[in-house]
Protein backbone atom coordinates (compact mmCIF):
# COMPACT_ATOMS: atom_id res chain seq x y z
CA MET A 1 88.99 -1.56 83.82
CA LYS A 2 86.12 -3.97 85.33
CA LYS A 3 82.63 -2.23 85.13
CA SER A 4 82.44 -3.02 88.99
CA VAL A 5 85.83 -1.87 89.85
CA TYR A 6 84.16 1.42 87.70
CA CYS A 7 81.15 2.03 89.07
CA ARG A 8 82.91 2.62 92.63
CA LEU A 9 85.17 5.05 91.72
CA ILE A 10 82.53 6.84 90.34
CA LEU A 11 80.35 6.55 93.74
CA LEU A 12 83.37 7.07 95.57
CA ALA A 13 83.93 10.65 93.40
CA PHE A 14 80.47 11.59 94.06
CA PHE A 15 80.64 10.81 97.73
CA PHE A 16 83.47 12.92 98.31
CA CYS A 17 81.92 16.02 96.19
CA THR A 18 78.70 15.36 97.92
CA ILE A 19 80.78 15.66 101.25
CA LEU A 20 82.95 18.38 100.56
CA SER A 21 81.03 20.98 98.58
CA PRO A 22 79.88 22.48 101.18
CA VAL A 23 83.35 23.16 102.80
CA TRP A 24 84.41 24.54 99.16
CA ALA A 25 81.47 26.74 98.46
CA GLN A 26 82.33 28.43 102.65
CA LYS A 27 85.99 29.26 101.21
CA ASN A 28 84.02 31.70 98.99
CA LYS A 29 81.70 33.16 101.04
CA LEU A 30 83.77 36.72 101.94
CA LYS A 31 83.88 37.37 97.78
CA ASN A 32 80.66 39.74 96.55
CA SER A 33 80.02 40.44 100.59
CA ARG A 34 79.50 43.65 101.50
CA VAL A 35 80.89 44.86 104.82
CA LEU A 36 80.46 48.23 106.97
CA VAL A 37 83.52 49.73 108.77
CA TYR A 38 82.28 51.62 111.60
CA THR A 39 84.74 54.70 113.35
CA LYS A 40 82.81 56.57 115.38
CA ASN A 41 84.56 57.37 118.53
CA GLY A 42 83.00 58.70 121.85
CA VAL A 43 84.37 61.83 124.12
CA GLY A 44 87.63 60.55 124.95
CA TYR A 45 90.84 58.87 123.32
CA VAL A 46 90.34 58.65 119.42
CA HIS A 47 93.27 56.72 117.41
CA ASP A 48 95.30 57.74 114.99
CA ASN A 49 95.23 54.66 113.41
CA ILE A 50 91.89 54.28 112.31
CA PRO A 51 92.40 55.89 108.58
CA SER A 52 95.42 53.24 108.17
CA ALA A 53 92.67 50.37 109.63
CA VAL A 54 90.60 51.80 107.04
CA THR A 55 92.66 52.15 104.30
CA CYS A 56 93.74 48.64 104.81
CA ILE A 57 90.73 47.24 104.94
CA GLN A 58 89.72 48.87 101.51
CA GLU A 59 92.45 47.21 100.03
CA LEU A 60 91.71 43.75 101.30
CA GLY A 61 88.38 44.23 99.98
CA THR A 62 89.81 45.31 95.98
CA GLU A 63 92.18 42.09 96.85
CA ASN A 64 89.73 40.13 98.22
CA LYS A 65 86.15 41.10 95.50
CA PHE A 66 84.49 42.43 98.98
CA SER A 67 82.54 45.82 99.25
CA VAL A 68 83.31 47.90 102.16
CA ASP A 69 81.29 50.99 103.24
CA VAL A 70 83.09 53.53 105.79
CA SER A 71 81.04 55.69 107.86
CA ASP A 72 81.33 57.32 111.26
CA ASP A 73 77.46 57.81 111.29
CA PRO A 74 75.48 56.25 114.16
CA MET A 75 72.50 56.84 111.84
CA VAL A 76 73.51 53.84 109.75
CA PHE A 77 72.08 51.88 112.71
CA THR A 78 68.96 50.95 111.22
CA GLU A 79 67.62 47.40 110.19
CA ALA A 80 66.50 48.67 106.85
CA ASN A 81 70.23 49.62 106.61
CA LEU A 82 72.23 46.84 108.15
CA LYS A 83 70.49 44.10 106.65
CA LYS A 84 72.59 44.57 103.54
CA TYR A 85 75.82 43.79 105.50
CA THR A 86 77.08 40.47 105.87
CA LEU A 87 79.10 41.75 109.01
CA LEU A 88 80.21 45.19 110.75
CA ILE A 89 83.97 46.00 111.71
CA PHE A 90 84.49 48.47 114.55
CA THR A 91 87.96 49.34 114.19
CA SER A 92 89.39 51.11 117.27
CA THR A 93 86.40 52.40 118.09
CA ASN A 94 86.24 53.68 121.91
CA ASN A 95 83.61 54.98 124.46
CA ASP A 96 80.08 55.77 123.65
CA VAL A 97 79.65 54.99 119.94
CA PHE A 98 75.78 55.39 119.33
CA ALA A 99 73.56 58.34 119.42
CA THR A 100 70.23 56.61 121.16
CA ASP A 101 68.86 53.78 122.34
CA GLU A 102 67.39 52.94 119.41
CA GLN A 103 70.35 52.59 116.83
CA ARG A 104 71.57 50.44 119.84
CA VAL A 105 68.67 48.50 119.60
CA ALA A 106 69.20 48.03 115.95
CA PHE A 107 72.65 47.04 116.54
CA ARG A 108 71.37 44.14 118.93
CA ARG A 109 68.51 43.01 116.38
CA TYR A 110 71.28 42.85 113.53
CA ILE A 111 73.30 40.24 115.79
CA GLU A 112 70.17 38.38 116.82
CA ALA A 113 69.75 38.30 113.11
CA GLY A 114 72.24 36.22 112.37
CA GLY A 115 75.10 39.16 111.65
CA GLY A 116 78.41 39.36 111.93
CA PHE A 117 80.61 41.34 113.59
CA VAL A 118 84.70 42.06 114.01
CA GLY A 119 86.13 43.90 116.54
CA VAL A 120 89.76 45.76 116.17
CA HIS A 121 91.83 47.08 118.64
CA SER A 122 90.21 49.61 121.38
CA VAL A 123 87.23 48.13 120.38
CA THR A 124 86.67 46.43 123.85
CA GLY A 125 86.75 50.31 125.35
CA THR A 126 83.35 50.67 123.42
CA GLU A 127 80.08 50.85 125.12
CA ARG A 128 81.55 50.64 128.48
CA LYS A 129 77.74 51.41 130.30
CA TRP A 130 76.31 48.55 128.02
CA ALA A 131 76.15 45.51 129.33
CA TRP A 132 74.75 43.89 126.27
CA PHE A 133 77.43 44.98 124.37
CA LYS A 134 79.89 44.01 126.67
CA MET A 135 79.08 40.19 126.95
CA MET A 136 78.71 40.74 123.22
CA VAL A 137 82.27 41.83 122.51
CA GLY A 138 83.62 39.51 125.15
CA GLU A 139 85.08 42.22 128.09
CA THR A 140 85.54 45.41 128.87
CA PHE A 141 88.67 47.25 128.53
CA THR A 142 90.62 48.55 131.97
CA TRP A 143 94.07 49.30 131.01
CA HIS A 144 96.82 47.96 128.21
CA ALA A 145 101.07 48.36 129.26
CA ASN A 146 103.29 50.46 126.80
CA PHE A 147 103.31 50.11 123.95
CA GLN A 148 106.60 47.51 123.34
CA PRO A 149 107.42 44.10 122.03
CA PHE A 150 105.62 41.29 123.68
CA SER A 151 105.25 37.75 122.70
CA LEU A 152 101.79 36.19 121.81
CA ILE A 153 100.98 32.18 122.08
CA ASN A 154 98.41 31.14 119.07
CA ILE A 155 96.58 28.40 121.23
CA ASP A 156 94.11 26.75 118.61
CA PRO A 157 96.30 26.94 115.43
CA LYS A 158 93.54 24.47 113.67
CA HIS A 159 90.87 27.36 113.91
CA PRO A 160 90.10 28.52 110.20
CA SER A 161 91.23 32.68 111.32
CA MET A 162 94.35 31.45 112.77
CA GLU A 163 95.58 30.49 109.08
CA GLY A 164 99.23 32.10 108.15
CA ILE A 165 99.78 32.82 112.35
CA PRO A 166 103.10 31.79 113.73
CA SER A 167 102.81 29.63 116.90
CA VAL A 168 104.30 32.49 118.75
CA TRP A 169 104.41 35.79 117.48
CA THR A 170 106.12 38.51 119.25
CA LYS A 171 105.52 42.10 118.27
CA GLU A 172 105.28 45.78 119.23
CA ASP A 173 101.67 46.26 120.32
CA GLU A 174 99.66 47.80 123.49
CA CYS A 175 98.87 44.58 125.94
CA TYR A 176 95.44 45.04 126.47
CA PHE A 177 93.59 43.86 129.70
CA GLY A 178 89.98 43.76 130.54
CA ARG A 179 87.16 42.62 133.24
CA GLU A 180 84.15 41.41 132.85
CA MET A 181 85.08 38.89 131.07
CA TYR A 182 82.29 36.94 129.15
CA PRO A 183 82.06 33.22 129.79
CA GLY A 184 80.99 32.26 126.21
CA ILE A 185 83.95 33.43 124.28
CA ARG A 186 86.77 30.96 123.00
CA VAL A 187 90.25 32.39 122.97
CA LEU A 188 92.38 31.60 120.16
CA MET A 189 95.66 33.52 121.40
CA MET A 190 96.35 34.93 124.20
CA HIS A 191 99.02 37.15 125.59
CA ASP A 192 102.42 35.67 127.34
CA VAL A 193 102.67 38.51 129.92
CA SER A 194 105.65 37.08 131.30
CA THR A 195 107.14 38.80 128.54
CA LEU A 196 106.48 42.31 129.16
CA ASN A 197 108.59 45.33 130.49
CA LYS A 198 108.73 44.47 134.53
CA LYS A 199 108.50 48.26 135.16
CA GLN A 200 104.79 48.11 135.23
CA SER A 201 104.89 45.41 137.20
CA ASP A 202 102.59 46.39 139.57
CA LEU A 203 99.70 47.63 137.36
CA ILE A 204 100.67 44.46 134.98
CA LEU A 205 99.73 42.09 138.52
CA LYS A 206 97.20 44.35 139.15
CA ASN A 207 94.95 43.85 135.49
CA THR A 208 96.03 40.35 135.07
CA GLY A 209 93.81 39.50 138.21
CA THR A 210 93.49 35.44 138.21
CA PHE A 211 94.74 35.11 134.88
CA GLY A 212 98.72 35.35 135.82
CA ASP A 213 100.87 34.77 132.99
CA TYR A 214 98.82 34.50 130.27
CA PHE A 215 95.40 36.52 129.25
CA PRO A 216 93.08 36.73 126.47
CA ALA A 217 94.31 38.15 122.96
CA VAL A 218 92.37 36.84 120.36
CA TRP A 219 88.46 35.52 120.42
CA TYR A 220 85.89 34.49 118.79
CA GLN A 221 82.14 33.55 119.70
CA ASN A 222 78.84 32.67 118.58
CA PHE A 223 76.46 34.99 120.54
CA GLN A 224 72.70 35.42 120.67
CA GLY A 225 72.01 34.19 116.56
CA GLY A 226 75.39 36.54 115.55
CA HIS A 227 79.14 35.58 114.84
CA ILE A 228 81.85 37.71 116.62
CA TRP A 229 85.71 37.67 116.24
CA VAL A 230 87.95 40.19 118.00
CA THR A 231 91.55 40.82 117.86
CA THR A 232 93.42 43.59 120.81
CA LEU A 233 96.02 43.75 118.50
CA GLY A 234 96.53 47.37 115.77
CA HIS A 235 97.73 49.88 117.60
CA ALA A 236 100.24 51.06 115.39
CA LYS A 237 99.07 52.62 112.09
CA THR A 238 102.07 50.81 110.60
CA ASP A 239 100.51 47.24 111.46
CA TYR A 240 97.84 47.66 108.59
CA GLN A 241 100.71 48.00 105.78
CA ASN A 242 102.44 44.69 107.68
CA PRO A 243 101.79 41.31 105.66
CA LEU A 244 101.70 39.16 108.98
CA TYR A 245 98.91 41.40 110.52
CA ARG A 246 97.01 42.04 107.34
CA ASN A 247 96.55 38.44 107.19
CA HIS A 248 95.73 38.19 110.75
CA LEU A 249 92.98 40.93 110.08
CA LEU A 250 92.02 39.54 106.95
CA GLN A 251 91.68 35.54 108.19
CA GLY A 252 89.27 37.16 110.94
CA ILE A 253 86.95 39.13 108.22
CA LYS A 254 87.04 35.48 106.64
CA TYR A 255 85.81 33.81 109.51
CA ILE A 256 83.02 35.64 110.32
CA ALA A 257 81.68 35.80 106.61
CA ASN A 258 81.85 31.92 106.20
CA GLN A 259 79.58 31.74 109.11
CA HIS A 260 77.02 33.99 107.28
CA GLN A 261 73.55 32.49 106.53
CA GLY A 262 71.64 35.42 105.95
CA ILE A 263 70.24 38.59 108.04
CA ASP A 264 66.51 37.59 109.42
CA PHE A 265 65.14 39.90 111.93
CA SER A 266 62.04 37.33 111.75
CA LYS A 267 64.57 35.64 114.38
CA ALA A 268 65.57 38.85 116.86
CA PHE A 269 63.78 39.06 119.78
CA SER A 270 65.09 42.28 121.78
CA THR A 271 63.11 45.76 122.10
CA ALA A 272 65.42 47.22 124.53
CA LYS A 273 69.07 47.45 124.40
CA GLU A 274 69.14 45.43 127.95
CA ASP A 275 66.61 42.61 127.63
CA LYS A 276 67.82 39.45 128.84
CA ILE A 277 69.70 37.62 126.84
CA ILE A 278 68.69 34.31 125.89
CA VAL A 279 70.37 30.96 126.94
CA ASN A 280 69.25 27.83 125.75
CA GLY A 281 65.97 29.04 125.24
CA LYS A 282 65.38 30.70 128.04
């Protein structure tokens, strides 16, 4: 081989290693990370899927080499404690899940400091009186159709968290609807409302509002310094043993972990739970 050709091959290999190495590294960010699964519910309905979800996430942690802490105690929400977590997972939380506004501010500042958040199923019914939380999670729950089989459409199949998700996923679940949709969310999957049983057509029409036959089901956003991923799926306890759903949940967790750049509370700016959000530096 001529020396000039050999040198070019070496330079080309170096170029690709330099360009692609951050991508390869990103795929390993979940490994050795630490997550907190929070399961507190306020007064009202409590899902019986929570123990199943916790077990599922613990198993995913063992399989993928990340640590999982579990708590239903709102006293975990201090800056000193939260800084050790790559992301927080709220699984089927509902209604008011914090005991004090100081805890709410600590949670908010964690997000502003670069924290990650994964919300599962009824998370959109959490902290319904807290405007900032509703913007962060993307919407606030209004109603769901009866548990039944219906179709979901994957509208962003190239997104990393959609790896292994079919273009049309028909499953039994509760089709969730919400209001106060935050404009910053980016939808990954949508409910095909037309596939729901027509027995509840009046309620379906009322809750879809201007969305018509399609309504957001899974989404993500970068919000106030943090990284958010939400799935409204996962009502049944059996979902958490289902390989397709487990992969769905894992890919969401992995995506948020891969955005992690460290927790830096010097970047947090809020001092009260209802401080104005900052958009484009204002």
